[in-house]
Each structure stands twice: as structure tokens, then as C-alpha cells.
Amino acid sequence: MFIEIESREQQSQQLEKNEQQQKRILELIKKIEELEKTMTNSVSNSEQVIENSSLLTRSTKLPSTSS
């Protein structure tokens, strides 16, 4: 009888531990997705800045001086 009770307690503890791990995993997945979004936006913004700067460079070239 005592062994049964102990076994149930262990099962209950294990279940609780599993639930906590699942919650933690879900939290981490959410954070990873947020980071991926941020990185994607950052890369996109960087590409836009590079594109804009190349446009600026093209439009602001000094006229060549002929001697």
C-alpha cells in the first residue's frame, strides 16, 4: 500500500515536472520566433539602407573635371 502511494506521488511529481518543461519549451519557442522576426527585419532594414546609400552615391557623384 505504501509503495502504491509513493509511486503515485512520484508520478504526480513527474507529471508536474513534464508540464513545467513543456511550458518552458513553449516560452523558448516563442522567444526564438521573436528573435527570427527581429533578425529578418534587421536584415531587411540593412539591405534597404545599403540600397538607399548606393542610390545616394550614384546621384551625388561629382562631375568629372576635365583638364
PDB file of N, CA and C in Angstrom:
ATOM      1  N   MET A   1       0.829  -1.202   0.000  1.00  0.00           N
ATOM      2  CA  MET A   1       0.000   0.000   0.000  1.00  0.00           C
ATOM      3  C   MET A   1       0.867   1.257   0.000  1.00  0.00           C
ATOM      4  N   PHE A   2       1.864   1.277   0.880  1.00  0.00           N
ATOM      5  CA  PHE A   2       2.755   2.438   0.963  1.00  0.00           C
ATOM      6  C   PHE A   2       3.490   2.648  -0.359  1.00  0.00           C
ATOM      7  N   ILE A   3       3.866   1.557  -0.967  1.00  0.00           N
ATOM      8  CA  ILE A   3       4.587   1.637  -2.249  1.00  0.00           C
ATOM      9  C   ILE A   3       3.685   2.253  -3.314  1.00  0.00           C
ATOM     10  N   GLU A   4       2.421   1.895  -3.313  1.00  0.00           N
ATOM     11  CA  GLU A   4       1.472   2.471  -4.277  1.00  0.00           C
ATOM     12  C   GLU A   4       1.374   3.986  -4.114  1.00  0.00           C
ATOM     13  N   ILE A   5       1.244   4.425  -2.886  1.00  0.00           N
ATOM     14  CA  ILE A   5       1.122   5.861  -2.606  1.00  0.00           C
ATOM     15  C   ILE A   5       2.386   6.576  -3.061  1.00  0.00           C
ATOM     16  N   GLU A   6       3.536   6.012  -2.739  1.00  0.00           N
ATOM     17  CA  GLU A   6       4.806   6.614  -3.131  1.00  0.00           C
ATOM     18  C   GLU A   6       4.907   6.684  -4.650  1.00  0.00           C
ATOM     19  N   SER A   7       4.480   5.626  -5.290  1.00  0.00           N
ATOM     20  CA  SER A   7       4.527   5.578  -6.748  1.00  0.00           C
ATOM     21  C   SER A   7       3.630   6.657  -7.348  1.00  0.00           C
ATOM     22  N   ARG A   8       2.452   6.830  -6.794  1.00  0.00           N
ATOM     23  CA  ARG A   8       1.535   7.870  -7.277  1.00  0.00           C
ATOM     24  C   ARG A   8       2.144   9.256  -7.086  1.00  0.00           C
ATOM     25  N   GLU A   9       2.774   9.458  -5.939  1.00  0.00           N
ATOM     26  CA  GLU A   9       3.411  10.751  -5.684  1.00  0.00           C
ATOM     27  C   GLU A   9       4.513  11.006  -6.707  1.00  0.00           C
ATOM     28  N   GLN A  10       5.281   9.977  -6.975  1.00  0.00           N
ATOM     29  CA  GLN A  10       6.356  10.120  -7.961  1.00  0.00           C
ATOM     30  C   GLN A  10       5.782  10.433  -9.337  1.00  0.00           C
ATOM     31  N   GLN A  11       4.711   9.743  -9.686  1.00  0.00           N
ATOM     32  CA  GLN A  11       4.070  10.000 -10.979  1.00  0.00           C
ATOM     33  C   GLN A  11       3.559  11.430 -11.041  1.00  0.00           C
ATOM     34  N   SER A  12       2.949  11.857  -9.954  1.00  0.00           N
ATOM     35  CA  SER A  12       2.414  13.215  -9.901  1.00  0.00           C
ATOM     36  C   SER A  12       3.541  14.234 -10.040  1.00  0.00           C
ATOM     37  N   GLN A  13       4.638  14.000  -9.334  1.00  0.00           N
ATOM     38  CA  GLN A  13       5.789  14.904  -9.427  1.00  0.00           C
ATOM     39  C   GLN A  13       6.359  14.906 -10.845  1.00  0.00           C
ATOM     40  N   GLN A  14       6.424  13.733 -11.420  1.00  0.00           N
ATOM     41  CA  GLN A  14       6.962  13.625 -12.778  1.00  0.00           C
ATOM     42  C   GLN A  14       6.069  14.369 -13.773  1.00  0.00           C
ATOM     43  N   LEU A  15       4.762  14.208 -13.610  1.00  0.00           N
ATOM     44  CA  LEU A  15       3.816  14.919 -14.470  1.00  0.00           C
ATOM     45  C   LEU A  15       3.991  16.423 -14.344  1.00  0.00           C
ATOM     46  N   GLU A  16       4.118  16.880 -13.121  1.00  0.00           N
ATOM     47  CA  GLU A  16       4.292  18.315 -12.885  1.00  0.00           C
ATOM     48  C   GLU A  16       5.592  18.801 -13.531  1.00  0.00           C
ATOM     49  N   LYS A  17       6.624  18.019 -13.362  1.00  0.00           N
ATOM     50  CA  LYS A  17       7.922  18.370 -13.954  1.00  0.00           C
ATOM     51  C   LYS A  17       7.802  18.441 -15.479  1.00  0.00           C
ATOM     52  N   ASN A  18       7.120  17.472 -16.053  1.00  0.00           N
ATOM     53  CA  ASN A  18       6.925  17.456 -17.507  1.00  0.00           C
ATOM     54  C   ASN A  18       6.152  18.682 -17.979  1.00  0.00           C
ATOM     55  N   GLU A  19       5.110  19.031 -17.230  1.00  0.00           N
ATOM     56  CA  GLU A  19       4.310  20.207 -17.588  1.00  0.00           C
ATOM     57  C   GLU A  19       5.160  21.472 -17.541  1.00  0.00           C
ATOM     58  N   GLN A  20       5.990  21.591 -16.512  1.00  0.00           N
ATOM     59  CA  GLN A  20       6.868  22.760 -16.404  1.00  0.00           C
ATOM     60  C   GLN A  20       7.844  22.807 -17.579  1.00  0.00           C
ATOM     61  N   GLN A  21       8.374  21.650 -17.942  1.00  0.00           N
ATOM     62  CA  GLN A  21       9.307  21.598 -19.073  1.00  0.00           C
ATOM     63  C   GLN A  21       8.603  21.993 -20.365  1.00  0.00           C
ATOM     64  N   GLN A  22       7.382  21.523 -20.540  1.00  0.00           N
ATOM     65  CA  GLN A  22       6.627  21.880 -21.744  1.00  0.00           C
ATOM     66  C   GLN A  22       6.380  23.384 -21.805  1.00  0.00           C
ATOM     67  N   LYS A  23       6.015  23.971 -20.669  1.00  0.00           N
ATOM     68  CA  LYS A  23       5.803  25.421 -20.621  1.00  0.00           C
ATOM     69  C   LYS A  23       7.085  26.140 -21.008  1.00  0.00           C
ATOM     70  N   ARG A  24       8.193  25.689 -20.441  1.00  0.00           N
ATOM     71  CA  ARG A  24       9.488  26.322 -20.711  1.00  0.00           C
ATOM     72  C   ARG A  24       9.834  26.202 -22.198  1.00  0.00           C
ATOM     73  N   ILE A  25       9.586  25.050 -22.759  1.00  0.00           N
ATOM     74  CA  ILE A  25       9.864  24.836 -24.185  1.00  0.00           C
ATOM     75  C   ILE A  25       9.030  25.787 -25.033  1.00  0.00           C
ATOM     76  N   LEU A  26       7.759  25.920 -24.701  1.00  0.00           N
ATOM     77  CA  LEU A  26       6.888  26.830 -25.446  1.00  0.00           C
ATOM     78  C   LEU A  26       7.367  28.273 -25.324  1.00  0.00           C
ATOM     79  N   GLU A  27       7.799  28.662 -24.125  1.00  0.00           N
ATOM     80  CA  GLU A  27       8.329  30.021 -23.933  1.00  0.00           C
ATOM     81  C   GLU A  27       9.554  30.231 -24.820  1.00  0.00           C
ATOM     82  N   LEU A  28      10.432  29.244 -24.835  1.00  0.00           N
ATOM     83  CA  LEU A  28      11.656  29.366 -25.629  1.00  0.00           C
ATOM     84  C   LEU A  28      11.346  29.426 -27.120  1.00  0.00           C
ATOM     85  N   ILE A  29      10.386  28.633 -27.558  1.00  0.00           N
ATOM     86  CA  ILE A  29       9.994  28.659 -28.970  1.00  0.00           C
ATOM     87  C   ILE A  29       9.485  30.049 -29.333  1.00  0.00           C
ATOM     88  N   LYS A  30       8.670  30.633 -28.450  1.00  0.00           N
ATOM     89  CA  LYS A  30       8.153  31.984 -28.681  1.00  0.00           C
ATOM     90  C   LYS A  30       9.298  32.981 -28.814  1.00  0.00           C
ATOM     91  N   LYS A  31      10.261  32.884 -27.897  1.00  0.00           N
ATOM     92  CA  LYS A  31      11.401  33.804 -27.924  1.00  0.00           C
ATOM     93  C   LYS A  31      12.198  33.632 -29.210  1.00  0.00           C
ATOM     94  N   ILE A  32      12.389  32.399 -29.625  1.00  0.00           N
ATOM     95  CA  ILE A  32      13.133  32.134 -30.865  1.00  0.00           C
ATOM     96  C   ILE A  32      12.408  32.755 -32.046  1.00  0.00           C
ATOM     97  N   GLU A  33      11.086  32.590 -32.091  1.00  0.00           N
ATOM     98  CA  GLU A  33      10.308  33.167 -33.192  1.00  0.00           C
ATOM     99  C   GLU A  33      10.418  34.687 -33.197  1.00  0.00           C
ATOM    100  N   GLU A  34      10.386  35.297 -32.004  1.00  0.00           N
ATOM    101  CA  GLU A  34      10.530  36.753 -31.919  1.00  0.00           C
ATOM    102  C   GLU A  34      11.902  37.179 -32.427  1.00  0.00           C
ATOM    103  N   LEU A  35      12.927  36.428 -32.032  1.00  0.00           N
ATOM    104  CA  LEU A  35      14.287  36.743 -32.484  1.00  0.00           C
ATOM    105  C   LEU A  35      14.408  36.611 -33.996  1.00  0.00           C
ATOM    106  N   GLU A  36      13.803  35.557 -34.545  1.00  0.00           N
ATOM    107  CA  GLU A  36      13.849  35.368 -36.002  1.00  0.00           C
ATOM    108  C   GLU A  36      13.197  36.551 -36.708  1.00  0.00           C
ATOM    109  N   LYS A  37      12.056  36.995 -36.177  1.00  0.00           N
ATOM    110  CA  LYS A  37      11.371  38.151 -36.759  1.00  0.00           C
ATOM    111  C   LYS A  37      12.267  39.376 -36.712  1.00  0.00           C
ATOM    112  N   THR A  38      12.847  39.602 -35.538  1.00  0.00           N
ATOM    113  CA  THR A  38      13.717  40.764 -35.353  1.00  0.00           C
ATOM    114  C   THR A  38      14.892  40.708 -36.313  1.00  0.00           C
ATOM    115  N   MET A  39      15.495  39.534 -36.440  1.00  0.00           N
ATOM    116  CA  MET A  39      16.648  39.396 -37.338  1.00  0.00           C
ATOM    117  C   MET A  39      16.236  39.627 -38.786  1.00  0.00           C
ATOM    118  N   THR A  40      15.106  39.088 -39.167  1.00  0.00           N
ATOM    119  CA  THR A  40      14.615  39.269 -40.530  1.00  0.00           C
ATOM    120  C   THR A  40      14.388  40.746 -40.809  1.00  0.00           C
ATOM    121  N   ASN A  41      13.750  41.424 -39.866  1.00  0.00           N
ATOM    122  CA  ASN A  41      13.520  42.858 -40.023  1.00  0.00           C
ATOM    123  C   ASN A  41      14.835  43.613 -40.087  1.00  0.00           C
ATOM    124  N   SER A  42      15.768  43.210 -39.261  1.00  0.00           N
ATOM    125  CA  SER A  42      17.061  43.883 -39.220  1.00  0.00           C
ATOM    126  C   SER A  42      17.791  43.723 -40.553  1.00  0.00           C
ATOM    127  N   VAL A  43      17.799  42.504 -41.077  1.00  0.00           N
ATOM    128  CA  VAL A  43      18.454  42.253 -42.364  1.00  0.00           C
ATOM    129  C   VAL A  43      17.756  43.046 -43.456  1.00  0.00           C
ATOM    130  N   SER A  44      16.442  43.035 -43.424  1.00  0.00           N
ATOM    131  CA  SER A  44      15.667  43.775 -44.414  1.00  0.00           C
ATOM    132  C   SER A  44      16.001  45.262 -44.346  1.00  0.00           C
ATOM    133  N   ASN A  45      16.060  45.796 -43.137  1.00  0.00           N
ATOM    134  CA  ASN A  45      16.398  47.208 -42.963  1.00  0.00           C
ATOM    135  C   ASN A  45      17.813  47.489 -43.443  1.00  0.00           C
ATOM    136  N   SER A  46      18.736  46.599 -43.143  1.00  0.00           N
ATOM    137  CA  SER A  46      20.126  46.781 -43.575  1.00  0.00           C
ATOM    138  C   SER A  46      20.203  46.813 -45.096  1.00  0.00           C
ATOM    139  N   GLU A  47      19.490  45.890 -45.722  1.00  0.00           N
ATOM    140  CA  GLU A  47      19.506  45.846 -47.187  1.00  0.00           C
ATOM    141  C   GLU A  47      18.933  47.140 -47.757  1.00  0.00           C
ATOM    142  N   GLN A  48      17.905  47.640 -47.115  1.00  0.00           N
ATOM    143  CA  GLN A  48      17.292  48.882 -47.588  1.00  0.00           C
ATOM    144  C   GLN A  48      18.269  50.049 -47.431  1.00  0.00           C
ATOM    145  N   VAL A  49      18.970  50.083 -46.309  1.00  0.00           N
ATOM    146  CA  VAL A  49      19.945  51.150 -46.081  1.00  0.00           C
ATOM    147  C   VAL A  49      21.043  51.075 -47.130  1.00  0.00           C
ATOM    148  N   ILE A  50      21.522  49.869 -47.406  1.00  0.00           N
ATOM    149  CA  ILE A  50      22.579  49.698 -48.414  1.00  0.00           C
ATOM    150  C   ILE A  50      22.070  50.161 -49.776  1.00  0.00           C
ATOM    151  N   GLU A  51      20.853  49.759 -50.106  1.00  0.00           N
ATOM    152  CA  GLU A  51      20.274  50.151 -51.389  1.00  0.00           C
ATOM    153  C   GLU A  51      20.146  51.672 -51.473  1.00  0.00           C
ATOM    154  N   ASN A  52      19.634  52.274 -50.414  1.00  0.00           N
ATOM    155  CA  ASN A  52      19.478  53.731 -50.391  1.00  0.00           C
ATOM    156  C   ASN A  52      20.824  54.433 -50.485  1.00  0.00           C
ATOM    157  N   SER A  53      21.811  53.912 -49.803  1.00  0.00           N
ATOM    158  CA  SER A  53      23.110  54.579 -49.833  1.00  0.00           C
ATOM    159  C   SER A  53      23.728  54.463 -51.220  1.00  0.00           C
ATOM    160  N   SER A  54      23.504  53.349 -51.898  1.00  0.00           N
ATOM    161  CA  SER A  54      24.055  53.228 -53.249  1.00  0.00           C
ATOM    162  C   SER A  54      23.322  54.177 -54.198  1.00  0.00           C
ATOM    163  N   LEU A  55      22.033  54.359 -53.976  1.00  0.00           N
ATOM    164  CA  LEU A  55      21.288  55.334 -54.786  1.00  0.00           C
ATOM    165  C   LEU A  55      21.822  56.741 -54.532  1.00  0.00           C
ATOM    166  N   LEU A  56      22.048  57.032 -53.269  1.00  0.00           N
ATOM    167  CA  LEU A  56      22.585  58.350 -52.916  1.00  0.00           C
ATOM    168  C   LEU A  56      23.951  58.557 -53.558  1.00  0.00           C
ATOM    169  N   THR A  57      24.766  57.543 -53.483  1.00  0.00           N
ATOM    170  CA  THR A  57      26.110  57.649 -54.048  1.00  0.00           C
ATOM    171  C   THR A  57      26.030  57.918 -55.543  1.00  0.00           C
ATOM    172  N   ARG A  58      25.152  57.197 -56.207  1.00  0.00           N
ATOM    173  CA  ARG A  58      25.007  57.392 -57.658  1.00  0.00           C
ATOM    174  C   ARG A  58      24.532  58.801 -57.992  1.00  0.00           C
ATOM    175  N   SER A  59      23.610  59.312 -57.197  1.00  0.00           N
ATOM    176  CA  SER A  59      23.024  60.610 -57.539  1.00  0.00           C
ATOM    177  C   SER A  59      23.894  61.784 -57.092  1.00  0.00           C
ATOM    178  N   THR A  60      24.857  61.527 -56.222  1.00  0.00           N
ATOM    179  CA  THR A  60      25.667  62.650 -55.727  1.00  0.00           C
ATOM    180  C   THR A  60      27.099  62.610 -56.242  1.00  0.00           C
ATOM    181  N   LYS A  61      27.335  61.871 -57.289  1.00  0.00           N
ATOM    182  CA  LYS A  61      28.696  61.825 -57.835  1.00  0.00           C
ATOM    183  C   LYS A  61      29.088  63.207 -58.338  1.00  0.00           C
ATOM    184  N   LEU A  62      30.305  63.537 -58.050  1.00  0.00           N
ATOM    185  CA  LEU A  62      30.804  64.836 -58.509  1.00  0.00           C
ATOM    186  C   LEU A  62      31.039  64.788 -60.009  1.00  0.00           C
ATOM    187  N   PRO A  63      30.778  65.857 -60.679  1.00  0.00           N
ATOM    188  CA  PRO A  63      31.045  65.866 -62.121  1.00  0.00           C
ATOM    189  C   PRO A  63      32.552  65.739 -62.346  1.00  0.00           C
ATOM    190  N   SER A  64      32.900  65.003 -63.333  1.00  0.00           N
ATOM    191  CA  SER A  64      34.335  64.812 -63.578  1.00  0.00           C
ATOM    192  C   SER A  64      34.933  66.104 -64.113  1.00  0.00           C
ATOM    193  N   THR A  65      36.103  66.392 -63.654  1.00  0.00           N
ATOM    194  CA  THR A  65      36.764  67.625 -64.122  1.00  0.00           C
ATOM    195  C   THR A  65      37.709  67.266 -65.253  1.00  0.00           C
ATOM    196  N   SER A  66      37.576  67.939 -66.349  1.00  0.00           N
ATOM    197  CA  SER A  66      38.464  67.644 -67.471  1.00  0.00           C
ATOM    198  C   SER A  66      39.550  68.706 -67.525  1.00  0.00           C
ATOM    199  N   SER A  67      40.751  68.232 -67.743  1.00  0.00           N
ATOM    200  CA  SER A  67      41.842  69.210 -67.766  1.00  0.00           C
ATOM    201  C   SER A  67      42.245  69.594 -69.154  1.00  0.00           C
TER     202      SER A  67
END
